[in-house]
Amino acid sequence: MARKRQRGMTRRQFAKLAGAGALAAGGPAFLFPDRARAAGKTLKILQWSHFVPAWDTWFNGTYIKEWGQKNDTEVIVDNINLVDLPARAASEASAKKGHDLFMFLSPPASYEPQVIDMSNVYAEVEKKHGKKIDLAHKSTFNPKTKKYFAFSDAYTPDPGNWHKDWWTEAGYPNGPDTYDDLLKGAKKIRDASGHPCGVGLAQELDTSMAMRAILWSFGGAEQDEAGNVTLNSKQTIEALKYVKDLYQQTETPEVFTWTPPSNNQAMLAGRVSYVQNAISVTRQSEREHLPIDAKIMISPALKGPVRRLAAEHVMNCYVIWEFAENKDGAQKFLIDWIDHFRDGFLAGQFYNFPCFPSTVPDLQKLIASDDRANPKDKYKVLGNVLEWATNVGYPGYATAGISEAFSTWVLPTMFAKVARGDESPEDAAKAAEAEYKRIFARWK
């Protein structure tokens, strides 16, 4: 865990300390910085250790320092591994003590009773930067209570990452474009070289997003727009059959025990032909100058029989606890932060896409030509990401019921049972729908 503490004085403090009164007291008071900090405040932030380390370096080492100096505030940032976020959130909520700002990587609707309404934060940001994208709205708003339980500054696309040489040899020089392509092409690759496909089937974040993408693209969904459970459908059963075929014909049992970094590691090691993941894969290959770098290409979400759709890879969702000691400072921090989002977009090497598009007006130009990338236009494919990225809970909102089902891995467990042959698609869909109904009933 990285812990960064940043302190500073504003010009107003400096002027007061260096003014006539200070000199009359016998010397330059700015030699005693504790006097300046005595009246200051503290802001405590917890967020993940970013998959692109350059973002943490800039945010913790530059932006936090500057904001703290301008706002007479000691800012403390704690970075922890993404897999530790749920347990840490539960601990702070239970103890009613912890950080002022807490960042989740998926919509935390189940914590609505323990957090403040972010409507004012959104309103202030929208005055300067225009409307937020619908993805942010549906990920942080409760249509029943009319409360924004979180504030989202950014989302991360969830494209495909594929091995250029192997897919070209299999007859797909532009990589897979559909799920049918994925099944047929990945099977050819495994049969020819032994290299499997790398779509996870474990209880972890990447699997959760990949399975939702397949479910939606086959026409299924966990719920409808009104929030009614709709999982047990013909479309869901077809998606389950597809994943069983994908596993049996193209994958290996390791996918059942993967953790979030596993598919990154497998792709970078040259072991798998395709993974669905954020650009952390390619950014790592660039950063470490790996030989495989020029061979990993990026594709948009794959098209299914019904649509082309995928969840965002991660959805930044900041909450301010009701028990936070510096609620005002936390709100101001978020409002100010959006003014500097473009700097963060560049520092994070395009990983965090803006929920307020006007903050990065030249986004298309930036991603179309990047000196780090090989080829330079590798990331251009993400230019239309909002045409195929949606929120957890699609086509409805990211409700508390959806949040609990997401955090308890109901969907990836359903797919894994069918892929392994433990249950039939029909029985698995029926059991998973019953679990969704039980969870949703708890939140009515």
Protein backbone atom coordinates (compact mmCIF):
# COMPACT_ATOMS: atom_id res chain seq x y z
CA MET A 1 0.00 0.00 0.00
CA ALA A 2 1.34 3.39 -0.98
CA ARG A 3 0.63 6.24 1.36
CA LYS A 4 1.28 9.77 0.18
CA ARG A 5 1.07 12.87 2.34
CA GLN A 6 1.17 16.29 0.75
CA ARG A 7 1.28 19.61 2.60
CA GLY A 8 1.38 23.20 1.51
CA MET A 9 0.50 26.88 2.04
CA THR A 10 -1.59 29.19 -0.08
CA ARG A 11 -0.29 32.58 -1.19
CA ARG A 12 -2.68 34.19 1.29
CA GLN A 13 -1.10 32.26 4.17
CA PHE A 14 2.37 33.09 2.93
CA ALA A 15 1.55 36.80 2.69
CA LYS A 16 0.17 36.84 6.21
CA LEU A 17 3.14 35.02 7.64
CA ALA A 18 5.69 37.17 5.80
CA GLY A 19 3.87 40.45 6.48
CA ALA A 20 4.59 43.23 8.91
CA GLY A 21 3.01 41.44 11.85
CA ALA A 22 5.25 38.47 11.39
CA LEU A 23 8.35 40.59 11.08
CA ALA A 24 7.39 42.54 14.19
CA ALA A 25 7.29 39.25 16.05
CA GLY A 26 11.03 38.99 15.54
CA GLY A 27 11.62 37.15 12.23
CA PRO A 28 10.20 35.53 9.14
CA ALA A 29 7.31 33.33 10.27
CA PHE A 30 7.49 31.30 7.05
CA LEU A 31 10.44 29.53 8.63
CA PHE A 32 7.88 27.85 10.89
CA PRO A 33 5.50 26.00 8.52
CA ASP A 34 3.61 24.32 11.39
CA ARG A 35 2.06 27.70 12.15
CA ALA A 36 0.68 27.79 8.62
CA ARG A 37 -0.73 24.26 8.86
CA ALA A 38 -2.24 24.74 12.29
CA ALA A 39 -5.43 26.23 10.84
CA GLY A 40 -5.44 23.91 7.81
CA LYS A 41 -7.60 20.89 7.13
CA THR A 42 -7.07 17.26 6.22
CA LEU A 43 -8.61 15.36 3.33
CA LYS A 44 -8.26 11.58 3.26
CA ILE A 45 -8.71 9.74 -0.05
CA LEU A 46 -8.66 6.01 -0.73
CA GLN A 47 -8.42 4.62 -4.24
CA TRP A 48 -6.89 1.72 -6.10
CA SER A 49 -3.29 1.32 -7.14
CA HIS A 50 -3.72 2.22 -10.80
CA PHE A 51 -2.89 -0.32 -13.50
CA VAL A 52 -0.95 2.46 -15.24
CA PRO A 53 1.56 3.49 -12.53
CA ALA A 54 2.24 6.82 -14.24
CA TRP A 55 -1.23 7.97 -13.23
CA ASP A 56 -0.56 7.44 -9.51
CA THR A 57 2.81 9.15 -9.88
CA TRP A 58 1.22 12.25 -11.37
CA PHE A 59 -1.90 12.33 -9.22
CA ASN A 60 -0.15 11.72 -5.89
CA GLY A 61 3.05 13.57 -6.64
CA THR A 62 1.83 16.57 -8.63
CA TYR A 63 -1.91 17.19 -8.61
CA ILE A 64 -2.53 16.40 -4.94
CA LYS A 65 0.37 18.58 -3.90
CA GLU A 66 -0.86 21.55 -5.92
CA TRP A 67 -4.46 21.22 -4.77
CA GLY A 68 -3.41 20.90 -1.15
CA GLN A 69 -1.34 24.06 -1.33
CA LYS A 70 -4.16 26.04 -2.91
CA ASN A 71 -6.72 24.86 -0.38
CA ASP A 72 -4.81 24.93 2.92
CA THR A 73 -5.28 21.18 3.14
CA GLU A 74 -3.12 18.21 3.96
CA VAL A 75 -4.19 15.57 1.45
CA ILE A 76 -3.56 11.94 2.30
CA VAL A 77 -3.95 9.39 -0.49
CA ASP A 78 -3.99 5.68 0.28
CA ASN A 79 -3.62 3.38 -2.73
CA ILE A 80 -4.60 -0.27 -2.31
CA ASN A 81 -4.94 -3.27 -4.60
CA LEU A 82 -8.27 -3.37 -6.41
CA VAL A 83 -9.18 -6.76 -4.93
CA ASP A 84 -8.96 -5.25 -1.44
CA LEU A 85 -11.41 -2.42 -2.13
CA PRO A 86 -14.66 -4.28 -1.25
CA ALA A 87 -13.41 -5.49 2.14
CA ARG A 88 -11.98 -2.08 2.98
CA ALA A 89 -15.26 -0.35 2.09
CA ALA A 90 -17.24 -2.77 4.23
CA SER A 91 -14.85 -2.21 7.13
CA GLU A 92 -15.10 1.58 6.97
CA ALA A 93 -18.88 1.53 6.62
CA SER A 94 -19.20 -0.80 9.60
CA ALA A 95 -16.82 1.20 11.79
CA LYS A 96 -18.25 4.54 10.56
CA LYS A 97 -14.71 5.76 10.31
CA GLY A 98 -12.19 6.01 7.52
CA HIS A 99 -11.60 8.16 4.47
CA ASP A 100 -13.46 11.24 3.31
CA LEU A 101 -13.39 10.15 -0.33
CA PHE A 102 -13.56 6.47 -1.26
CA MET A 103 -13.26 5.34 -4.87
CA PHE A 104 -14.97 2.16 -6.06
CA LEU A 105 -14.33 0.54 -9.45
CA SER A 106 -17.96 -0.45 -9.98
CA PRO A 107 -21.24 1.23 -8.97
CA PRO A 108 -21.60 0.99 -5.15
CA ALA A 109 -25.39 1.45 -4.98
CA SER A 110 -25.71 -0.84 -1.98
CA TYR A 111 -23.89 1.80 0.10
CA GLU A 112 -26.43 4.52 -0.64
CA PRO A 113 -27.64 4.75 3.02
CA GLN A 114 -24.05 5.38 4.18
CA VAL A 115 -23.04 8.09 1.69
CA ILE A 116 -24.03 11.67 0.93
CA ASP A 117 -25.94 12.79 -2.15
CA MET A 118 -23.61 13.88 -4.96
CA SER A 119 -26.25 15.91 -6.84
CA ASN A 120 -24.57 19.17 -5.89
CA VAL A 121 -21.19 17.98 -7.11
CA TYR A 122 -22.61 16.98 -10.46
CA ALA A 123 -24.52 20.27 -10.74
CA GLU A 124 -21.42 22.37 -10.08
CA VAL A 125 -19.32 20.40 -12.54
CA GLU A 126 -22.00 20.56 -15.22
CA LYS A 127 -22.13 24.36 -14.95
CA LYS A 128 -18.59 24.45 -16.30
CA HIS A 129 -18.25 21.29 -18.34
CA GLY A 130 -21.67 20.36 -19.65
CA LYS A 131 -23.70 17.21 -19.14
CA LYS A 132 -22.19 13.95 -17.98
CA ILE A 133 -22.46 10.94 -20.25
CA ASP A 134 -25.40 8.57 -19.74
CA LEU A 135 -22.99 5.87 -18.61
CA ALA A 136 -22.08 7.98 -15.57
CA HIS A 137 -25.71 8.86 -14.85
CA LYS A 138 -26.94 5.25 -14.89
CA SER A 139 -23.96 4.09 -12.83
CA THR A 140 -24.42 6.55 -9.97
CA PHE A 141 -28.12 7.53 -9.79
CA ASN A 142 -31.03 5.90 -7.98
CA PRO A 143 -34.20 6.70 -9.97
CA LYS A 144 -36.42 5.80 -7.01
CA THR A 145 -34.78 7.99 -4.37
CA LYS A 146 -33.55 10.58 -6.91
CA LYS A 147 -30.17 10.46 -5.19
CA TYR A 148 -26.72 10.33 -6.75
CA PHE A 149 -24.98 7.91 -4.40
CA ALA A 150 -21.61 8.41 -6.15
CA PHE A 151 -19.79 10.71 -8.54
CA SER A 152 -18.03 9.37 -11.60
CA ASP A 153 -15.22 11.27 -13.24
CA ALA A 154 -14.06 8.51 -15.57
CA TYR A 155 -14.66 5.11 -17.09
CA THR A 156 -12.29 2.71 -18.78
CA PRO A 157 -13.08 1.00 -22.10
CA ASP A 158 -13.04 -2.80 -22.22
CA PRO A 159 -11.82 -3.74 -25.72
CA GLY A 160 -10.38 -6.96 -27.02
CA ASN A 161 -6.63 -7.59 -27.05
CA TRP A 162 -5.50 -10.08 -29.71
CA HIS A 163 -2.26 -11.55 -31.02
CA LYS A 164 -1.73 -10.24 -34.54
CA ASP A 165 0.43 -13.04 -35.94
CA TRP A 166 -1.75 -15.92 -34.78
CA TRP A 167 -5.03 -14.35 -35.86
CA THR A 168 -3.57 -13.48 -39.24
CA GLU A 169 -2.43 -17.09 -39.71
CA ALA A 170 -5.94 -18.22 -38.74
CA GLY A 171 -7.44 -16.10 -41.51
CA TYR A 172 -8.41 -13.02 -39.49
CA PRO A 173 -5.79 -10.33 -40.27
CA ASN A 174 -7.91 -7.69 -38.52
CA GLY A 175 -8.64 -9.88 -35.54
CA PRO A 176 -12.04 -11.17 -34.46
CA ASP A 177 -15.01 -8.86 -35.03
CA THR A 178 -17.81 -11.12 -33.83
CA TYR A 179 -18.22 -13.81 -31.19
CA ASP A 180 -18.51 -16.31 -34.03
CA ASP A 181 -15.10 -15.13 -35.23
CA LEU A 182 -13.72 -15.54 -31.72
CA LEU A 183 -14.91 -19.12 -31.42
CA LYS A 184 -13.79 -20.24 -34.87
CA GLY A 185 -10.52 -18.30 -34.94
CA ALA A 186 -9.45 -19.15 -31.39
CA LYS A 187 -10.15 -22.84 -32.07
CA LYS A 188 -7.95 -22.74 -35.18
CA ILE A 189 -5.17 -21.11 -33.20
CA ARG A 190 -5.32 -23.61 -30.34
CA ASP A 191 -5.51 -26.55 -32.72
CA ALA A 192 -2.53 -25.27 -34.70
CA SER A 193 -0.23 -23.99 -31.97
CA GLY A 194 -1.69 -24.95 -28.60
CA HIS A 195 -2.23 -21.32 -27.62
CA PRO A 196 -5.65 -21.00 -25.93
CA CYS A 197 -8.12 -18.16 -25.78
CA GLY A 198 -7.99 -16.15 -22.55
CA VAL A 199 -11.56 -15.19 -21.59
CA GLY A 200 -11.84 -15.73 -17.84
CA LEU A 201 -14.41 -17.83 -16.00
CA ALA A 202 -13.47 -16.97 -12.43
CA GLN A 203 -14.97 -14.92 -9.62
CA GLU A 204 -13.14 -11.70 -10.49
CA LEU A 205 -13.64 -8.34 -12.17
CA ASP A 206 -12.46 -9.11 -15.71
CA THR A 207 -14.61 -12.24 -15.93
CA SER A 208 -17.63 -10.31 -14.67
CA MET A 209 -17.27 -7.77 -17.46
CA ALA A 210 -16.59 -10.35 -20.18
CA MET A 211 -19.62 -12.47 -19.24
CA ARG A 212 -21.89 -9.41 -19.22
CA ALA A 213 -20.64 -8.46 -22.67
CA ILE A 214 -21.50 -11.91 -24.00
CA LEU A 215 -24.87 -11.97 -22.25
CA TRP A 216 -25.92 -8.59 -23.66
CA SER A 217 -24.55 -9.28 -27.13
CA PHE A 218 -26.69 -12.42 -27.30
CA GLY A 219 -29.75 -10.39 -26.29
CA GLY A 220 -29.93 -11.37 -22.61
CA ALA A 221 -29.86 -9.16 -19.52
CA GLU A 222 -29.98 -9.40 -15.75
CA GLN A 223 -32.91 -7.00 -15.58
CA ASP A 224 -35.15 -4.86 -17.76
CA GLU A 225 -35.32 -1.06 -17.82
CA ALA A 226 -37.74 -1.05 -14.90
CA GLY A 227 -35.48 -3.19 -12.75
CA ASN A 228 -37.33 -6.50 -13.04
CA VAL A 229 -35.22 -9.66 -13.14
CA THR A 230 -35.10 -11.10 -16.66
CA LEU A 231 -32.10 -13.42 -16.52
CA ASN A 232 -33.82 -16.73 -17.25
CA SER A 233 -34.45 -16.24 -20.95
CA LYS A 234 -33.85 -17.98 -24.26
CA GLN A 235 -31.15 -15.41 -25.01
CA THR A 236 -29.31 -16.13 -21.75
CA ILE A 237 -29.40 -19.86 -22.46
CA GLU A 238 -27.90 -19.25 -25.92
CA ALA A 239 -25.14 -17.16 -24.32
CA LEU A 240 -24.44 -19.97 -21.85
CA LYS A 241 -24.21 -22.52 -24.65
CA TYR A 242 -21.78 -20.25 -26.48
CA VAL A 243 -19.48 -19.88 -23.47
CA LYS A 244 -19.48 -23.64 -22.96
CA ASP A 245 -18.39 -24.10 -26.57
CA LEU A 246 -15.78 -21.34 -26.24
CA TYR A 247 -14.28 -22.96 -23.16
CA GLN A 248 -14.31 -26.53 -24.43
CA GLN A 249 -12.98 -25.72 -27.90
CA THR A 250 -10.51 -22.92 -27.20
CA GLU A 251 -9.52 -22.63 -23.52
CA THR A 252 -7.81 -24.42 -20.63
CA PRO A 253 -8.90 -24.94 -17.00
CA GLU A 254 -6.65 -22.13 -15.72
CA VAL A 255 -9.39 -19.61 -16.58
CA PHE A 256 -11.48 -20.88 -13.64
CA THR A 257 -8.91 -19.66 -11.12
CA TRP A 258 -7.81 -16.38 -12.65
CA THR A 259 -7.43 -13.13 -10.74
CA PRO A 260 -7.62 -9.66 -12.36
CA PRO A 261 -3.94 -9.60 -13.47
CA SER A 262 -4.02 -13.15 -14.86
CA ASN A 263 -5.17 -12.41 -18.38
CA ASN A 264 -2.74 -9.47 -18.58
CA GLN A 265 0.10 -11.77 -17.61
CA ALA A 266 -0.96 -14.53 -19.99
CA MET A 267 -1.22 -12.15 -22.93
CA LEU A 268 2.10 -10.46 -22.24
CA ALA A 269 3.81 -13.81 -21.83
CA GLY A 270 2.61 -14.85 -25.28
CA ARG A 271 0.49 -17.70 -23.96
CA VAL A 272 -3.03 -16.72 -25.10
CA SER A 273 -4.50 -15.47 -28.36
CA TYR A 274 -7.22 -13.15 -27.06
CA VAL A 275 -8.31 -11.45 -23.85
CA GLN A 276 -10.96 -8.89 -23.05
CA ASN A 277 -9.27 -6.22 -20.97
CA ALA A 278 -8.43 -2.56 -20.71
CA ILE A 279 -5.39 -1.02 -22.37
CA SER A 280 -3.35 -1.77 -19.26
CA VAL A 281 -2.15 -4.81 -21.24
CA THR A 282 -0.63 -2.80 -24.07
CA ARG A 283 0.56 0.01 -21.84
CA GLN A 284 2.56 -2.48 -19.80
CA SER A 285 4.10 -3.98 -22.92
CA GLU A 286 5.11 -0.48 -24.05
CA ARG A 287 6.41 0.53 -20.63
CA GLU A 288 8.54 -2.56 -20.28
CA HIS A 289 9.59 -2.67 -23.96
CA LEU A 290 8.42 -6.26 -24.29
CA PRO A 291 9.11 -8.04 -27.61
CA ILE A 292 5.42 -8.89 -27.92
CA ASP A 293 4.36 -5.25 -27.89
CA ALA A 294 3.98 -4.83 -31.65
CA LYS A 295 1.99 -8.07 -31.86
CA ILE A 296 -0.84 -7.11 -29.47
CA MET A 297 -3.66 -5.33 -31.28
CA ILE A 298 -6.90 -3.83 -29.95
CA SER A 299 -10.45 -4.39 -31.18
CA PRO A 300 -13.81 -2.92 -30.16
CA ALA A 301 -16.33 -5.03 -28.29
CA LEU A 302 -17.25 -8.10 -30.31
CA LYS A 303 -20.62 -8.30 -32.04
CA GLY A 304 -23.06 -10.99 -31.00
CA PRO A 305 -26.22 -12.29 -32.70
CA VAL A 306 -28.20 -9.32 -31.36
CA ARG A 307 -25.85 -6.40 -30.70
CA ARG A 308 -22.30 -5.19 -30.11
CA LEU A 309 -22.09 -4.21 -26.45
CA ALA A 310 -19.73 -4.42 -23.49
CA ALA A 311 -19.54 -3.03 -20.00
CA GLU A 312 -16.97 -0.43 -19.17
CA HIS A 313 -13.90 -2.18 -17.79
CA VAL A 314 -13.93 -0.15 -14.58
CA MET A 315 -16.21 2.70 -13.57
CA ASN A 316 -14.65 5.23 -11.22
CA CYS A 317 -17.26 5.90 -8.53
CA TYR A 318 -16.27 8.27 -5.73
CA VAL A 319 -18.41 8.29 -2.60
CA ILE A 320 -18.29 10.57 0.41
CA TRP A 321 -19.25 8.73 3.58
CA GLU A 322 -21.89 10.23 5.86
CA PHE A 323 -19.32 9.94 8.66
CA ALA A 324 -16.58 11.71 6.67
CA GLU A 325 -14.83 14.41 8.66
CA ASN A 326 -14.30 16.73 5.70
CA LYS A 327 -17.38 16.50 3.49
CA ASP A 328 -17.03 20.05 2.17
CA GLY A 329 -13.40 19.54 1.23
CA ALA A 330 -14.18 16.23 -0.46
CA GLN A 331 -16.89 17.81 -2.61
CA LYS A 332 -14.68 20.74 -3.55
CA PHE A 333 -11.87 18.36 -4.45
CA LEU A 334 -14.07 16.50 -6.95
CA ILE A 335 -15.40 19.71 -8.47
CA ASP A 336 -11.91 21.13 -8.88
CA TRP A 337 -10.50 17.84 -10.15
CA ILE A 338 -12.69 17.85 -13.26
CA ASP A 339 -11.11 21.17 -14.29
CA HIS A 340 -7.82 19.28 -14.62
CA PHE A 341 -9.13 16.02 -16.07
CA ARG A 342 -7.28 16.40 -19.38
CA ASP A 343 -3.97 16.45 -17.51
CA GLY A 344 -4.99 13.21 -15.83
CA PHE A 345 -6.07 11.69 -19.15
CA LEU A 346 -2.60 12.31 -20.51
CA ALA A 347 -0.81 11.21 -17.34
CA GLY A 348 -2.79 7.97 -17.30
CA GLN A 349 -1.95 7.32 -20.96
CA PHE A 350 -5.60 7.27 -22.11
CA TYR A 351 -6.70 4.67 -19.52
CA ASN A 352 -9.34 6.90 -17.89
CA PHE A 353 -11.88 8.23 -20.38
CA PRO A 354 -13.87 11.33 -19.37
CA CYS A 355 -17.44 11.26 -18.09
CA PHE A 356 -17.54 14.92 -19.12
CA PRO A 357 -16.39 14.82 -22.76
CA SER A 358 -15.75 18.57 -22.99
CA THR A 359 -12.80 18.17 -20.61
CA VAL A 360 -10.82 16.38 -23.34
CA PRO A 361 -12.04 18.06 -26.54
CA ASP A 362 -9.09 16.70 -28.55
CA LEU A 363 -9.52 13.10 -27.40
CA GLN A 364 -9.97 11.71 -30.91
CA LYS A 365 -6.79 13.39 -32.11
CA LEU A 366 -4.78 12.25 -29.10
CA ILE A 367 -5.71 8.58 -29.33
CA ALA A 368 -5.24 8.50 -33.11
CA SER A 369 -1.51 9.20 -32.87
CA ASP A 370 0.45 8.12 -29.81
CA ASP A 371 4.24 7.96 -29.88
CA ARG A 372 4.28 5.20 -27.26
CA ALA A 373 2.09 2.89 -29.32
CA ASN A 374 3.22 0.46 -32.00
CA PRO A 375 1.64 1.21 -34.41
CA LYS A 376 0.99 4.83 -33.46
CA ASP A 377 -2.73 4.58 -34.21
CA LYS A 378 -3.27 1.46 -32.07
CA TYR A 379 -5.72 3.25 -29.77
CA LYS A 380 -7.75 4.93 -32.52
CA VAL A 381 -10.23 2.06 -32.35
CA LEU A 382 -11.46 3.43 -29.00
CA GLY A 383 -12.76 6.59 -30.65
CA ASN A 384 -16.34 5.29 -30.81
CA VAL A 385 -16.32 3.52 -27.44
CA LEU A 386 -19.55 5.14 -26.24
CA GLU A 387 -21.35 3.40 -29.10
CA TRP A 388 -20.61 0.01 -27.53
CA ALA A 389 -19.87 0.62 -23.83
CA THR A 390 -22.65 0.56 -21.26
CA ASN A 391 -23.26 0.37 -17.53
CA VAL A 392 -23.47 -2.60 -15.21
CA GLY A 393 -27.20 -3.21 -14.92
CA TYR A 394 -28.00 -2.47 -18.58
CA PRO A 395 -30.63 -1.69 -19.80
CA GLY A 396 -31.64 -0.40 -16.39
CA TYR A 397 -29.69 1.39 -13.68
CA ALA A 398 -26.85 0.13 -11.50
CA THR A 399 -29.14 -0.51 -8.55
CA ALA A 400 -28.35 -1.88 -5.11
CA GLY A 401 -29.59 -5.29 -6.22
CA ILE A 402 -27.30 -5.21 -9.25
CA SER A 403 -24.45 -4.06 -7.02
CA GLU A 404 -24.90 -7.02 -4.64
CA ALA A 405 -25.21 -9.52 -7.48
CA PHE A 406 -22.08 -8.07 -9.04
CA SER A 407 -20.06 -8.25 -5.83
CA THR A 408 -21.18 -11.83 -5.07
CA TRP A 409 -20.25 -13.10 -8.56
CA VAL A 410 -23.65 -14.56 -9.43
CA LEU A 411 -23.22 -14.10 -13.18
CA PRO A 412 -19.68 -15.49 -13.64
CA THR A 413 -20.59 -18.41 -11.37
CA MET A 414 -23.56 -19.24 -13.61
CA PHE A 415 -21.36 -19.25 -16.72
CA ALA A 416 -18.59 -21.24 -15.04
CA LYS A 417 -20.96 -24.00 -13.92
CA VAL A 418 -22.20 -24.49 -17.47
CA ALA A 419 -18.72 -24.30 -19.02
CA ARG A 420 -17.44 -27.00 -16.65
CA GLY A 421 -20.48 -29.18 -17.32
CA ASP A 422 -21.69 -29.01 -13.71
CA GLU A 423 -25.14 -27.76 -14.75
CA SER A 424 -27.16 -27.50 -17.93
CA PRO A 425 -27.70 -24.03 -19.38
CA GLU A 426 -31.38 -24.25 -18.50
CA ASP A 427 -30.79 -25.23 -14.86
CA ALA A 428 -28.02 -22.66 -14.39
CA ALA A 429 -30.15 -19.82 -15.77
CA LYS A 430 -33.07 -20.84 -13.57
CA ALA A 431 -30.91 -21.01 -10.44
CA ALA A 432 -29.20 -17.71 -11.15
CA GLU A 433 -32.51 -15.95 -11.75
CA ALA A 434 -33.80 -17.27 -8.42
CA GLU A 435 -30.71 -15.82 -6.72
CA TYR A 436 -31.21 -12.47 -8.46
CA LYS A 437 -34.83 -12.37 -7.32
CA ARG A 438 -33.78 -13.14 -3.74
CA ILE A 439 -31.19 -10.35 -3.83
CA PHE A 440 -33.55 -7.82 -5.46
CA ALA A 441 -36.26 -8.59 -2.88
CA ARG A 442 -33.86 -7.56 -0.12
CA TRP A 443 -33.51 -4.07 -1.62
CA LYS A 444 -37.15 -3.26 -2.33
